[in-house]
Protein backbone atom coordinates (compact mmCIF):
# COMPACT_ATOMS: atom_id res chain seq x y z
CA MET A 1 -30.73 -22.89 2.11
CA THR A 2 -31.89 -23.04 5.29
CA THR A 3 -31.60 -19.85 8.19
CA THR A 4 -32.40 -20.66 11.77
CA THR A 5 -32.59 -18.77 15.35
CA ALA A 6 -32.74 -19.81 18.53
CA ARG A 7 -31.93 -19.06 22.02
CA GLY A 8 -29.20 -20.78 23.78
CA ARG A 9 -26.07 -20.75 26.14
CA SER A 10 -23.57 -18.59 24.16
CA GLY A 11 -22.97 -15.29 25.21
CA LEU A 12 -21.69 -13.62 22.34
CA ARG A 13 -23.55 -10.89 20.56
CA ARG A 14 -23.74 -8.92 16.82
CA THR A 15 -22.98 -5.54 18.00
CA ASP A 16 -26.29 -4.56 17.53
CA GLY A 17 -27.79 -6.98 19.96
CA GLY A 18 -28.28 -9.38 17.35
CA PRO A 19 -27.58 -13.01 17.04
CA VAL A 20 -24.13 -14.34 15.85
CA ARG A 21 -24.56 -15.17 12.29
CA VAL A 22 -22.57 -18.48 10.79
CA LEU A 23 -22.64 -19.83 7.70
CA VAL A 24 -21.83 -23.50 6.83
CA VAL A 25 -20.36 -24.53 3.40
CA ASP A 26 -20.16 -28.23 2.95
CA ASP A 27 -21.78 -30.83 0.37
CA GLU A 28 -22.31 -33.39 2.98
CA SER A 29 -26.03 -32.52 3.69
CA SER A 30 -25.62 -34.59 7.31
CA LEU A 31 -22.65 -32.83 8.49
CA THR A 32 -24.22 -29.71 8.04
CA GLU A 33 -27.06 -30.56 9.42
CA LEU A 34 -24.95 -31.95 12.70
CA LEU A 35 -23.23 -28.83 12.41
CA SER A 36 -26.08 -26.38 12.18
CA MET A 37 -28.08 -27.86 15.21
CA ALA A 38 -24.54 -27.55 17.37
CA LEU A 39 -24.40 -23.81 16.08
CA ARG A 40 -28.14 -23.39 16.97
CA TYR A 41 -27.98 -24.33 20.40
CA GLU A 42 -25.61 -21.70 20.95
CA GLY A 43 -27.92 -18.90 20.15
CA TRP A 44 -26.19 -18.68 16.90
CA GLU A 45 -28.34 -17.78 13.46
CA VAL A 46 -27.11 -20.45 10.99
CA ARG A 47 -27.55 -20.81 7.20
CA SER A 48 -25.67 -23.66 4.98
CA ALA A 49 -24.96 -23.84 1.32
CA GLY A 50 -23.67 -26.71 -0.24
CA ASP A 51 -21.26 -25.67 -2.91
CA GLY A 52 -19.18 -22.53 -3.65
CA ALA A 53 -21.80 -20.68 -5.46
CA GLY A 54 -24.32 -20.92 -3.42
CA ALA A 55 -22.07 -19.83 -0.36
CA VAL A 56 -21.01 -16.72 -2.67
CA ARG A 57 -24.58 -15.84 -2.71
CA ALA A 58 -25.52 -16.79 1.00
CA ALA A 59 -22.73 -14.67 2.16
CA ARG A 60 -23.80 -11.76 -0.04
CA ALA A 61 -27.47 -11.56 1.38
CA PHE A 62 -26.62 -13.26 4.80
CA ARG A 63 -23.77 -10.89 5.72
CA PRO A 64 -22.30 -13.63 8.46
CA ASP A 65 -19.33 -12.99 11.27
CA ALA A 66 -18.45 -16.45 10.48
CA VAL A 67 -18.30 -18.98 7.78
CA VAL A 68 -17.60 -22.60 8.02
CA LEU A 69 -15.85 -23.94 5.08
CA ASP A 70 -15.54 -27.06 3.47
CA VAL A 71 -12.64 -27.84 1.00
CA MET A 72 -13.57 -30.10 -1.04
CA LEU A 73 -16.78 -28.64 -2.96
CA PRO A 74 -18.70 -29.57 -5.88
CA ASP A 75 -18.05 -26.61 -8.13
CA MET A 76 -15.48 -25.12 -6.73
CA ASP A 77 -12.54 -25.75 -4.09
CA GLY A 78 -12.81 -23.79 -0.49
CA LEU A 79 -9.44 -21.48 -1.64
CA THR A 80 -11.10 -20.38 -4.47
CA VAL A 81 -14.59 -19.66 -2.66
CA LEU A 82 -12.50 -17.88 -0.11
CA GLY A 83 -11.05 -15.51 -2.47
CA ARG A 84 -14.62 -14.53 -3.60
CA LEU A 85 -16.19 -14.25 -0.06
CA ARG A 86 -13.08 -11.76 1.03
CA SER A 87 -14.05 -9.99 -1.68
CA GLU A 88 -17.68 -9.42 -0.21
CA LEU A 89 -16.35 -9.60 3.28
CA PRO A 90 -12.84 -8.71 3.92
CA ASP A 91 -12.50 -9.38 7.87
CA VAL A 92 -15.15 -12.11 8.27
CA PRO A 93 -13.34 -15.04 9.63
CA VAL A 94 -13.22 -18.59 7.74
CA LEU A 95 -12.79 -22.16 9.83
CA PHE A 96 -11.47 -24.60 6.92
CA LEU A 97 -12.79 -28.47 7.17
CA THR A 98 -11.24 -30.87 4.89
CA ALA A 99 -10.52 -34.71 5.15
CA ARG A 100 -6.93 -33.98 3.94
CA ASP A 101 -4.50 -33.50 7.12
CA ALA A 102 -1.16 -33.17 5.03
CA VAL A 103 0.96 -30.17 6.19
CA GLU A 104 1.13 -28.78 3.38
CA ASP A 105 -2.46 -28.77 2.76
CA ARG A 106 -3.25 -26.76 6.23
CA ILE A 107 -0.21 -24.46 4.95
CA ALA A 108 -2.32 -23.70 2.01
CA GLY A 109 -5.68 -23.03 3.39
CA LEU A 110 -3.83 -20.45 6.09
CA THR A 111 -1.79 -18.77 3.60
CA ALA A 112 -5.03 -18.10 0.87
CA GLY A 113 -6.53 -16.14 4.12
CA GLY A 114 -8.46 -18.88 6.00
CA ASP A 115 -8.08 -18.32 9.79
CA ASP A 116 -8.00 -21.77 11.59
CA TYR A 117 -8.15 -25.38 10.04
CA VAL A 118 -9.75 -28.41 11.41
CA THR A 119 -9.53 -31.84 9.78
CA LYS A 120 -12.62 -34.70 9.72
CA PRO A 121 -13.45 -36.57 11.60
CA PHE A 122 -14.09 -33.37 14.39
CA SER A 123 -15.99 -33.30 17.26
CA LEU A 124 -18.58 -30.57 17.12
CA GLU A 125 -17.33 -29.32 20.41
CA GLU A 126 -14.20 -28.44 18.83
CA VAL A 127 -15.72 -26.88 15.98
CA VAL A 128 -17.89 -24.22 18.37
CA ALA A 129 -14.88 -23.54 20.29
CA ARG A 130 -12.63 -22.64 17.52
CA LEU A 131 -15.57 -20.67 15.95
CA ARG A 132 -16.19 -18.52 19.36
CA GLY A 133 -12.29 -18.19 19.87
CA LEU A 134 -12.26 -16.44 15.83
CA ILE A 135 -15.52 -14.57 16.80
CA ARG A 136 -13.98 -13.28 19.94
CA ARG A 137 -10.94 -11.88 18.18
CA SER A 138 -12.64 -10.93 15.17
CA ALA A 139 -14.91 -8.66 17.33
CA THR A 140 -11.92 -7.36 19.75
CA ALA A 141 -10.29 -6.31 16.45
CA ALA A 142 -13.33 -4.37 15.53
CA ALA A 143 -13.95 -2.50 18.57
CA ALA A 144 -9.91 -1.55 18.08
CA ARG A 145 -10.67 -0.14 14.69
CA ASP A 146 -13.69 1.04 15.64
CA GLU A 147 -11.93 3.42 18.44
CA SER A 148 -10.00 5.05 16.22
CA LEU A 149 -12.72 6.23 14.47
CA LEU A 150 -14.46 9.61 14.68
CA VAL A 151 -18.04 9.79 13.06
CA VAL A 152 -20.35 12.52 12.43
CA GLY A 153 -23.42 11.85 10.20
CA ASP A 154 -21.40 11.32 7.11
CA LEU A 155 -18.33 12.49 7.76
CA THR A 156 -15.65 10.29 9.15
CA LEU A 157 -12.11 10.57 10.75
CA ASP A 158 -9.93 7.62 11.35
CA GLU A 159 -7.46 9.15 14.09
CA ASP A 160 -4.86 6.07 12.89
CA SER A 161 -4.40 6.90 9.53
CA HIS A 162 -5.40 10.00 9.32
CA GLU A 163 -7.79 9.51 6.80
CA VAL A 164 -10.80 11.94 6.64
CA THR A 165 -14.40 11.22 4.05
CA ARG A 166 -17.26 12.71 4.15
CA ASP A 167 -20.34 10.55 2.30
CA GLY A 168 -17.64 8.33 1.09
CA THR A 169 -15.81 10.69 -0.74
CA PRO A 170 -11.66 11.67 0.74
CA ILE A 171 -10.88 14.71 2.13
CA HIS A 172 -7.57 15.87 2.00
CA LEU A 173 -6.63 18.13 5.01
CA THR A 174 -2.97 19.21 6.44
CA ALA A 175 -1.77 18.22 9.67
CA THR A 176 -3.19 21.74 11.68
CA GLU A 177 -6.50 21.11 10.00
CA PHE A 178 -6.54 17.47 10.52
CA GLU A 179 -5.91 18.24 14.43
CA LEU A 180 -8.77 21.25 14.50
CA LEU A 181 -11.41 19.10 12.50
CA ARG A 182 -10.78 16.36 15.36
CA TYR A 183 -10.98 18.09 17.98
CA LEU A 184 -14.02 19.36 16.95
CA MET A 185 -15.26 16.05 16.13
CA ARG A 186 -14.21 14.83 19.65
CA ASN A 187 -16.93 17.36 20.83
CA PRO A 188 -19.96 17.11 18.75
CA ARG A 189 -22.33 19.75 18.87
CA ARG A 190 -20.51 21.99 21.74
CA VAL A 191 -19.61 24.93 21.39
CA LEU A 192 -15.79 25.22 21.44
CA SER A 193 -14.36 28.91 22.13
CA LYS A 194 -11.54 30.30 20.24
CA ALA A 195 -9.72 30.09 23.52
CA GLN A 196 -10.38 26.55 23.77
CA ILE A 197 -9.19 25.66 20.24
CA LEU A 198 -6.32 27.66 20.49
CA ASP A 199 -5.21 25.73 23.66
CA ARG A 200 -6.10 22.08 22.15
CA VAL A 201 -4.93 22.69 18.56
CA TRP A 202 -1.75 24.98 18.51
CA SER A 203 -0.84 24.07 22.48
CA TYR A 204 -0.32 27.78 23.22
CA ASP A 205 -1.91 31.34 23.71
CA PHE A 206 -1.34 32.85 20.53
CA GLY A 207 -2.65 36.22 22.14
CA GLY A 208 -3.93 38.76 19.56
CA GLN A 209 -3.78 36.69 17.04
CA ALA A 210 -7.31 34.29 17.69
CA ASN A 211 -8.03 35.48 14.34
CA VAL A 212 -5.95 32.37 12.96
CA VAL A 213 -8.93 29.95 14.50
CA GLU A 214 -11.64 32.04 12.17
CA LEU A 215 -8.92 31.04 9.18
CA TYR A 216 -8.47 27.69 9.60
CA ILE A 217 -12.25 27.12 10.21
CA SER A 218 -12.57 28.81 6.95
CA TYR A 219 -10.50 26.17 5.25
CA LEU A 220 -11.92 23.49 6.82
CA ARG A 221 -15.71 24.63 5.68
CA ARG A 222 -14.40 25.04 2.13
CA LYS A 223 -13.18 21.63 2.11
CA ILE A 224 -15.99 19.78 4.47
CA ASP A 225 -18.80 21.62 3.46
CA ALA A 226 -18.38 23.22 0.38
CA GLY A 227 -21.39 22.29 -2.04
CA ARG A 228 -22.63 19.76 0.76
CA THR A 229 -25.13 20.43 3.44
CA PRO A 230 -22.92 22.64 6.39
CA MET A 231 -21.81 20.75 9.43
CA ILE A 232 -19.48 23.64 10.59
CA HIS A 233 -21.37 26.34 12.66
CA THR A 234 -20.07 29.56 14.47
CA ARG A 235 -22.01 30.84 17.51
CA ARG A 236 -21.18 34.44 17.72
CA GLY A 237 -19.43 35.82 20.39
CA ALA A 238 -19.30 32.12 21.63
CA GLY A 239 -17.17 29.89 18.91
CA TYR A 240 -18.07 27.11 16.98
CA LEU A 241 -19.59 23.85 16.47
CA ILE A 242 -20.10 20.31 14.59
CA LYS A 243 -22.80 18.77 14.21
CA PRO A 244 -24.37 16.31 11.52
CA GLY A 245 -25.81 17.85 8.27
CA ASP A 246 -29.75 18.44 8.28
């Protein structure tokens, strides 16, 4: 296996600013080298493998943003490799390469979870263009998922699925507790008054029943902070805030 990087013409980058990573899996070394050269020209980082076992090991260590995968490999077929890759990287886009051009083979590859399909012989430009499209779509989907996530320290709230976890442990909340936590997490480190919380979470003024905020804050603390470094804090006479645990 080899790893190489270069500055190139592609405008695509990883979310951390680093080069896009592509894993190329094919037992034809000459083809692998040609593909790697073309991808390096895009400015991408490339790692290659010549069999299925090597592909799984490389994916685990390299964490690629896309995979070019030959269907016919010496130790296992590409569909089996795909299944193992998906267990490690469930969202990584996969472009199949194959000498087969029968419709049923294409359907089998796509049904198994492949994202696109190119038959040999192919042009390098076509493979690069297909990969660009897959990576852009994958990045768009990831961005959409990220927009639904609120994260403060080790606490995560998914606004779409209504799932809440702290340090990976699921936390079950009532609808009102969820809305209160969401409001706090949308304003991390900001002190929110009881009046603000009442207006946002309950949508009307409770008048003399503002202690309902104190009650629900206590409910949240039992579920979020119990046995852990506290994240929900009281600023006496001012309100409440949430911030990462120390």
